[in-house]
Amino acid sequence: MKRLRFRLAISRPELLQYYQGRVASLSVMTEQGLRLQVPLHHFRPFVGHDGLNGRFEIELSSGNQFHRLLRL
């Protein structure tokens, strides 16, 4: 498994635009310097009243397929 970490700070109004169908995935820059496209639905469990904030770790399989997303 490959583990990559990144931070997000998306306000509630910004996030609502994503959920209105304008965007299907988020582009994130990892701490390792890689840019990833992560489907928005993976972040739903982490959305709060203030939006989507925090440090996250994504686990990818050996074929670079999504395995899981954790908030650290």
C-alpha atoms as a PDB file:
ATOM      1  CA  MET A   1       0.000   0.000   0.000  1.00  0.00           C
ATOM      2  CA  LYS A   2       1.127   3.488  -0.818  1.00  0.00           C
ATOM      3  CA  ARG A   3       0.175   6.221   1.680  1.00  0.00           C
ATOM      4  CA  LEU A   4       0.038   9.879   0.717  1.00  0.00           C
ATOM      5  CA  ARG A   5      -0.851  12.812   2.969  1.00  0.00           C
ATOM      6  CA  PHE A   6      -2.377  16.199   2.207  1.00  0.00           C
ATOM      7  CA  ARG A   7      -4.254  19.093   3.814  1.00  0.00           C
ATOM      8  CA  LEU A   8      -7.593  20.568   2.798  1.00  0.00           C
ATOM      9  CA  ALA A   9      -9.338  23.767   3.815  1.00  0.00           C
ATOM     10  CA  ILE A  10     -12.559  24.221   1.824  1.00  0.00           C
ATOM     11  CA  SER A  11     -15.258  26.509   3.191  1.00  0.00           C
ATOM     12  CA  ARG A  12     -18.901  25.469   3.300  1.00  0.00           C
ATOM     13  CA  PRO A  13     -19.943  27.860   0.461  1.00  0.00           C
ATOM     14  CA  GLU A  14     -17.113  26.554  -1.744  1.00  0.00           C
ATOM     15  CA  LEU A  15     -18.041  22.974  -0.974  1.00  0.00           C
ATOM     16  CA  LEU A  16     -21.691  23.583  -1.848  1.00  0.00           C
ATOM     17  CA  GLN A  17     -20.596  24.568  -5.350  1.00  0.00           C
ATOM     18  CA  TYR A  18     -18.864  21.205  -5.704  1.00  0.00           C
ATOM     19  CA  TYR A  19     -21.966  19.343  -4.579  1.00  0.00           C
ATOM     20  CA  GLN A  20     -24.170  21.251  -7.024  1.00  0.00           C
ATOM     21  CA  GLY A  21     -22.603  19.146  -9.742  1.00  0.00           C
ATOM     22  CA  ARG A  22     -19.978  21.522 -11.051  1.00  0.00           C
ATOM     23  CA  VAL A  23     -17.083  19.316  -9.929  1.00  0.00           C
ATOM     24  CA  ALA A  24     -16.847  15.532  -9.584  1.00  0.00           C
ATOM     25  CA  SER A  25     -13.419  15.319  -7.954  1.00  0.00           C
ATOM     26  CA  LEU A  26     -10.941  17.341  -5.949  1.00  0.00           C
ATOM     27  CA  SER A  27      -7.399  17.951  -7.102  1.00  0.00           C
ATOM     28  CA  VAL A  28      -5.029  17.744  -4.146  1.00  0.00           C
ATOM     29  CA  MET A  29      -1.285  18.257  -3.822  1.00  0.00           C
ATOM     30  CA  THR A  30       0.247  15.708  -1.484  1.00  0.00           C
ATOM     31  CA  GLU A  31       3.028  16.426   0.972  1.00  0.00           C
ATOM     32  CA  GLN A  32       5.146  14.162  -1.233  1.00  0.00           C
ATOM     33  CA  GLY A  33       4.686  16.568  -4.176  1.00  0.00           C
ATOM     34  CA  LEU A  34       2.218  14.501  -6.204  1.00  0.00           C
ATOM     35  CA  ARG A  35      -1.060  15.844  -7.582  1.00  0.00           C
ATOM     36  CA  LEU A  36      -4.045  13.510  -7.209  1.00  0.00           C
ATOM     37  CA  GLN A  37      -7.631  13.656  -8.463  1.00  0.00           C
ATOM     38  CA  VAL A  38      -9.854  12.211  -5.727  1.00  0.00           C
ATOM     39  CA  PRO A  39     -13.579  11.670  -6.384  1.00  0.00           C
ATOM     40  CA  LEU A  40     -15.606  13.998  -4.181  1.00  0.00           C
ATOM     41  CA  HIS A  41     -17.813  11.259  -2.747  1.00  0.00           C
ATOM     42  CA  HIS A  42     -14.847   9.865  -0.758  1.00  0.00           C
ATOM     43  CA  PHE A  43     -14.838  13.055   1.346  1.00  0.00           C
ATOM     44  CA  ARG A  44     -18.523  12.987   2.411  1.00  0.00           C
ATOM     45  CA  PRO A  45     -17.875  11.424   5.846  1.00  0.00           C
ATOM     46  CA  PHE A  46     -15.511  14.283   6.692  1.00  0.00           C
ATOM     47  CA  VAL A  47     -17.714  17.257   5.765  1.00  0.00           C
ATOM     48  CA  GLY A  48     -18.713  19.399   8.746  1.00  0.00           C
ATOM     49  CA  HIS A  49     -20.724  22.564   9.314  1.00  0.00           C
ATOM     50  CA  ASP A  50     -17.665  24.658   8.464  1.00  0.00           C
ATOM     51  CA  GLY A  51     -16.829  22.719   5.275  1.00  0.00           C
ATOM     52  CA  LEU A  52     -14.024  20.260   4.680  1.00  0.00           C
ATOM     53  CA  ASN A  53     -10.909  20.867   6.738  1.00  0.00           C
ATOM     54  CA  GLY A  54      -8.035  18.803   8.021  1.00  0.00           C
ATOM     55  CA  ARG A  55      -5.057  16.646   7.231  1.00  0.00           C
ATOM     56  CA  PHE A  56      -5.812  13.446   5.346  1.00  0.00           C
ATOM     57  CA  GLU A  57      -4.082  10.249   4.330  1.00  0.00           C
ATOM     58  CA  ILE A  58      -5.093   8.328   1.248  1.00  0.00           C
ATOM     59  CA  GLU A  59      -4.100   4.699   0.787  1.00  0.00           C
ATOM     60  CA  LEU A  60      -3.585   3.397  -2.728  1.00  0.00           C
ATOM     61  CA  SER A  61      -3.138  -0.209  -3.821  1.00  0.00           C
ATOM     62  CA  SER A  62      -0.043  -1.358  -5.689  1.00  0.00           C
ATOM     63  CA  GLY A  63      -1.924  -0.514  -8.915  1.00  0.00           C
ATOM     64  CA  ASN A  64      -2.579   3.026  -7.613  1.00  0.00           C
ATOM     65  CA  GLN A  65      -6.266   2.290  -7.064  1.00  0.00           C
ATOM     66  CA  PHE A  66      -8.124   3.944  -4.183  1.00  0.00           C
ATOM     67  CA  HIS A  67      -8.224   1.819  -1.036  1.00  0.00           C
ATOM     68  CA  ARG A  68      -9.270   4.204   1.751  1.00  0.00           C
ATOM     69  CA  LEU A  69      -9.185   7.770   3.012  1.00  0.00           C
ATOM     70  CA  LEU A  70      -8.525   8.735   6.622  1.00  0.00           C
ATOM     71  CA  ARG A  71      -8.552  12.052   8.458  1.00  0.00           C
ATOM     72  CA  LEU A  72      -5.459  12.294  10.656  1.00  0.00           C
END
